[in-house]
Amino acid sequence: MYPANVKTAFLTVGALLIVIGALGFVQDPILGILYVGPLQNLIYVGAGIAAIGAAMSGIGTMRLCGRMLGIAFGGLAIAGFATGGLFGLATLTQAANYLHVAVSLLFLYYALLAPPV
């Protein structure tokens, strides 16, 4: 049995990422502060689906997925702060960079500190 709080965190963050990604397709900027492009929307929706899928699979999958998504969102944050973009494919704003830092830290926290089964 895996801790309910880890599963709840993955489900919640996954759902939020899907909502942010979906909103980005119909409303830009999201809530007037988060400017996102189509590539970022796809990344958010894909990461949300991965997080929810991992939450349904068990603690081992959540830990692996959390590490991968934590590193990926950390890389997005570093690229955004360093260059303001994603290799010319997307522009990363400060609001997006802070979102990426928060998501990265959250995934890494739960991936690395979840108790073993």
C-alpha atoms as a PDB file:
ATOM      1  CA  MET A   1       0.000   0.000   0.000  1.00  0.00           C
ATOM      2  CA  TYR A   2       1.378   3.430  -0.855  1.00  0.00           C
ATOM      3  CA  PRO A   3       0.850   6.668   1.077  1.00  0.00           C
ATOM      4  CA  ALA A   4      -2.375   8.412   0.161  1.00  0.00           C
ATOM      5  CA  ASN A   5      -0.784  11.858   0.328  1.00  0.00           C
ATOM      6  CA  VAL A   6       1.691  11.003  -2.449  1.00  0.00           C
ATOM      7  CA  LYS A   7      -1.085   9.686  -4.665  1.00  0.00           C
ATOM      8  CA  THR A   8      -3.244  12.719  -3.878  1.00  0.00           C
ATOM      9  CA  ALA A   9      -0.371  15.069  -4.732  1.00  0.00           C
ATOM     10  CA  PHE A  10       0.248  13.372  -8.074  1.00  0.00           C
ATOM     11  CA  LEU A  11      -3.460  13.388  -8.929  1.00  0.00           C
ATOM     12  CA  THR A  12      -3.816  17.044  -7.944  1.00  0.00           C
ATOM     13  CA  VAL A  13      -0.720  18.300  -9.750  1.00  0.00           C
ATOM     14  CA  GLY A  14      -1.570  16.166 -12.780  1.00  0.00           C
ATOM     15  CA  ALA A  15      -5.081  17.585 -12.933  1.00  0.00           C
ATOM     16  CA  LEU A  16      -3.784  21.143 -12.529  1.00  0.00           C
ATOM     17  CA  LEU A  17      -1.264  20.666 -15.330  1.00  0.00           C
ATOM     18  CA  ILE A  18      -3.985  19.328 -17.620  1.00  0.00           C
ATOM     19  CA  VAL A  19      -6.218  22.302 -16.783  1.00  0.00           C
ATOM     20  CA  ILE A  20      -3.385  24.798 -17.380  1.00  0.00           C
ATOM     21  CA  GLY A  21      -2.526  23.119 -20.680  1.00  0.00           C
ATOM     22  CA  ALA A  22      -6.140  23.007 -21.834  1.00  0.00           C
ATOM     23  CA  LEU A  23      -6.782  26.616 -20.810  1.00  0.00           C
ATOM     24  CA  GLY A  24      -3.718  27.681 -22.747  1.00  0.00           C
ATOM     25  CA  PHE A  25      -5.333  26.505 -25.964  1.00  0.00           C
ATOM     26  CA  VAL A  26      -8.423  28.676 -25.455  1.00  0.00           C
ATOM     27  CA  GLN A  27      -7.209  31.585 -23.290  1.00  0.00           C
ATOM     28  CA  ASP A  28      -3.822  33.234 -23.491  1.00  0.00           C
ATOM     29  CA  PRO A  29      -2.633  34.595 -21.109  1.00  0.00           C
ATOM     30  CA  ILE A  30      -4.008  32.220 -18.496  1.00  0.00           C
ATOM     31  CA  LEU A  31      -5.446  34.246 -15.615  1.00  0.00           C
ATOM     32  CA  GLY A  32      -3.820  37.293 -17.170  1.00  0.00           C
ATOM     33  CA  ILE A  33      -0.291  36.330 -16.086  1.00  0.00           C
ATOM     34  CA  LEU A  34       0.821  33.047 -17.668  1.00  0.00           C
ATOM     35  CA  TYR A  35       1.623  33.392 -21.368  1.00  0.00           C
ATOM     36  CA  VAL A  36       1.996  29.971 -22.946  1.00  0.00           C
ATOM     37  CA  GLY A  37       2.357  28.647 -26.449  1.00  0.00           C
ATOM     38  CA  PRO A  38       1.040  25.488 -28.087  1.00  0.00           C
ATOM     39  CA  LEU A  39       4.216  23.516 -27.303  1.00  0.00           C
ATOM     40  CA  GLN A  40       4.007  24.417 -23.611  1.00  0.00           C
ATOM     41  CA  ASN A  41       0.335  23.451 -23.564  1.00  0.00           C
ATOM     42  CA  LEU A  42       1.189  20.025 -24.980  1.00  0.00           C
ATOM     43  CA  ILE A  43       3.975  19.618 -22.417  1.00  0.00           C
ATOM     44  CA  TYR A  44       1.610  20.484 -19.551  1.00  0.00           C
ATOM     45  CA  VAL A  45      -1.152  18.170 -20.757  1.00  0.00           C
ATOM     46  CA  GLY A  46       1.302  15.312 -21.371  1.00  0.00           C
ATOM     47  CA  ALA A  47       2.942  15.758 -17.964  1.00  0.00           C
ATOM     48  CA  GLY A  48      -0.466  15.852 -16.296  1.00  0.00           C
ATOM     49  CA  ILE A  49      -1.531  12.645 -17.992  1.00  0.00           C
ATOM     50  CA  ALA A  50       1.765  11.001 -16.992  1.00  0.00           C
ATOM     51  CA  ALA A  51       1.347  12.095 -13.362  1.00  0.00           C
ATOM     52  CA  ILE A  52      -2.220  10.791 -13.159  1.00  0.00           C
ATOM     53  CA  GLY A  53      -1.219   7.534 -14.839  1.00  0.00           C
ATOM     54  CA  ALA A  54       1.652   7.112 -12.393  1.00  0.00           C
ATOM     55  CA  ALA A  55      -0.659   7.790  -9.451  1.00  0.00           C
ATOM     56  CA  MET A  56      -2.924   4.983 -10.618  1.00  0.00           C
ATOM     57  CA  SER A  57      -0.014   2.564 -11.037  1.00  0.00           C
ATOM     58  CA  GLY A  58       1.650   2.574  -7.630  1.00  0.00           C
ATOM     59  CA  ILE A  59       4.490   4.008  -5.589  1.00  0.00           C
ATOM     60  CA  GLY A  60       7.332   2.722  -7.771  1.00  0.00           C
ATOM     61  CA  THR A  61       5.879   4.267 -10.893  1.00  0.00           C
ATOM     62  CA  MET A  62       5.112   7.500  -9.040  1.00  0.00           C
ATOM     63  CA  ARG A  63       8.694   7.751  -7.823  1.00  0.00           C
ATOM     64  CA  LEU A  64      10.119   7.134 -11.299  1.00  0.00           C
ATOM     65  CA  CYS A  65       7.660   9.511 -12.949  1.00  0.00           C
ATOM     66  CA  GLY A  66       8.287  12.135 -10.251  1.00  0.00           C
ATOM     67  CA  ARG A  67      12.030  12.003 -10.858  1.00  0.00           C
ATOM     68  CA  MET A  68      11.615  12.268 -14.618  1.00  0.00           C
ATOM     69  CA  LEU A  69       9.062  15.091 -14.481  1.00  0.00           C
ATOM     70  CA  GLY A  70      10.992  16.878 -11.735  1.00  0.00           C
ATOM     71  CA  ILE A  71      14.153  16.846 -13.825  1.00  0.00           C
ATOM     72  CA  ALA A  72      12.249  17.844 -16.986  1.00  0.00           C
ATOM     73  CA  PHE A  73      10.479  20.794 -15.355  1.00  0.00           C
ATOM     74  CA  GLY A  74      13.736  21.785 -13.648  1.00  0.00           C
ATOM     75  CA  GLY A  75      15.385  21.824 -17.064  1.00  0.00           C
ATOM     76  CA  LEU A  76      12.579  23.982 -18.415  1.00  0.00           C
ATOM     77  CA  ALA A  77      13.061  26.397 -15.513  1.00  0.00           C
ATOM     78  CA  ILE A  78      16.825  26.591 -16.042  1.00  0.00           C
ATOM     79  CA  ALA A  79      16.380  27.126 -19.787  1.00  0.00           C
ATOM     80  CA  GLY A  80      13.765  29.788 -19.141  1.00  0.00           C
ATOM     81  CA  PHE A  81      15.822  31.702 -16.595  1.00  0.00           C
ATOM     82  CA  ALA A  82      19.035  31.392 -18.621  1.00  0.00           C
ATOM     83  CA  THR A  83      17.784  32.100 -22.137  1.00  0.00           C
ATOM     84  CA  GLY A  84      14.124  33.085 -21.870  1.00  0.00           C
ATOM     85  CA  GLY A  85      13.188  30.330 -24.264  1.00  0.00           C
ATOM     86  CA  LEU A  86      13.181  26.677 -25.112  1.00  0.00           C
ATOM     87  CA  PHE A  87      15.808  26.336 -27.839  1.00  0.00           C
ATOM     88  CA  GLY A  88      13.864  28.725 -30.058  1.00  0.00           C
ATOM     89  CA  LEU A  89      10.738  26.555 -29.948  1.00  0.00           C
ATOM     90  CA  ALA A  90       8.896  28.478 -27.231  1.00  0.00           C
ATOM     91  CA  THR A  91       9.262  31.637 -25.185  1.00  0.00           C
ATOM     92  CA  LEU A  92       9.330  31.048 -21.433  1.00  0.00           C
ATOM     93  CA  THR A  93       8.111  33.951 -19.311  1.00  0.00           C
ATOM     94  CA  GLN A  94       9.021  34.619 -15.686  1.00  0.00           C
ATOM     95  CA  ALA A  95       5.614  33.350 -14.531  1.00  0.00           C
ATOM     96  CA  ALA A  96       6.146  30.123 -16.485  1.00  0.00           C
ATOM     97  CA  ASN A  97       9.651  29.782 -15.045  1.00  0.00           C
ATOM     98  CA  TYR A  98       8.355  30.045 -11.481  1.00  0.00           C
ATOM     99  CA  LEU A  99       5.611  27.528 -12.287  1.00  0.00           C
ATOM    100  CA  HIS A 100       8.264  25.151 -13.624  1.00  0.00           C
ATOM    101  CA  VAL A 101      10.372  25.554 -10.468  1.00  0.00           C
ATOM    102  CA  ALA A 102       7.368  24.862  -8.225  1.00  0.00           C
ATOM    103  CA  VAL A 103       6.265  21.806 -10.215  1.00  0.00           C
ATOM    104  CA  SER A 104       9.831  20.486 -10.370  1.00  0.00           C
ATOM    105  CA  LEU A 105      10.359  20.818  -6.622  1.00  0.00           C
ATOM    106  CA  LEU A 106       6.997  19.249  -5.858  1.00  0.00           C
ATOM    107  CA  PHE A 107       7.602  16.225  -8.082  1.00  0.00           C
ATOM    108  CA  LEU A 108      11.157  15.759  -6.789  1.00  0.00           C
ATOM    109  CA  TYR A 109      10.023  16.082  -3.176  1.00  0.00           C
ATOM    110  CA  TYR A 110       7.439  13.335  -3.535  1.00  0.00           C
ATOM    111  CA  ALA A 111       9.673  11.192  -5.747  1.00  0.00           C
ATOM    112  CA  LEU A 112      12.625  11.236  -3.383  1.00  0.00           C
ATOM    113  CA  LEU A 113      10.904  11.344   0.002  1.00  0.00           C
ATOM    114  CA  ALA A 114       8.048   8.904  -0.546  1.00  0.00           C
ATOM    115  CA  PRO A 115       8.512   6.005   1.871  1.00  0.00           C
ATOM    116  CA  PRO A 116       9.372   2.691   0.261  1.00  0.00           C
ATOM    117  CA  VAL A 117       6.719   0.008   0.047  1.00  0.00           C
END
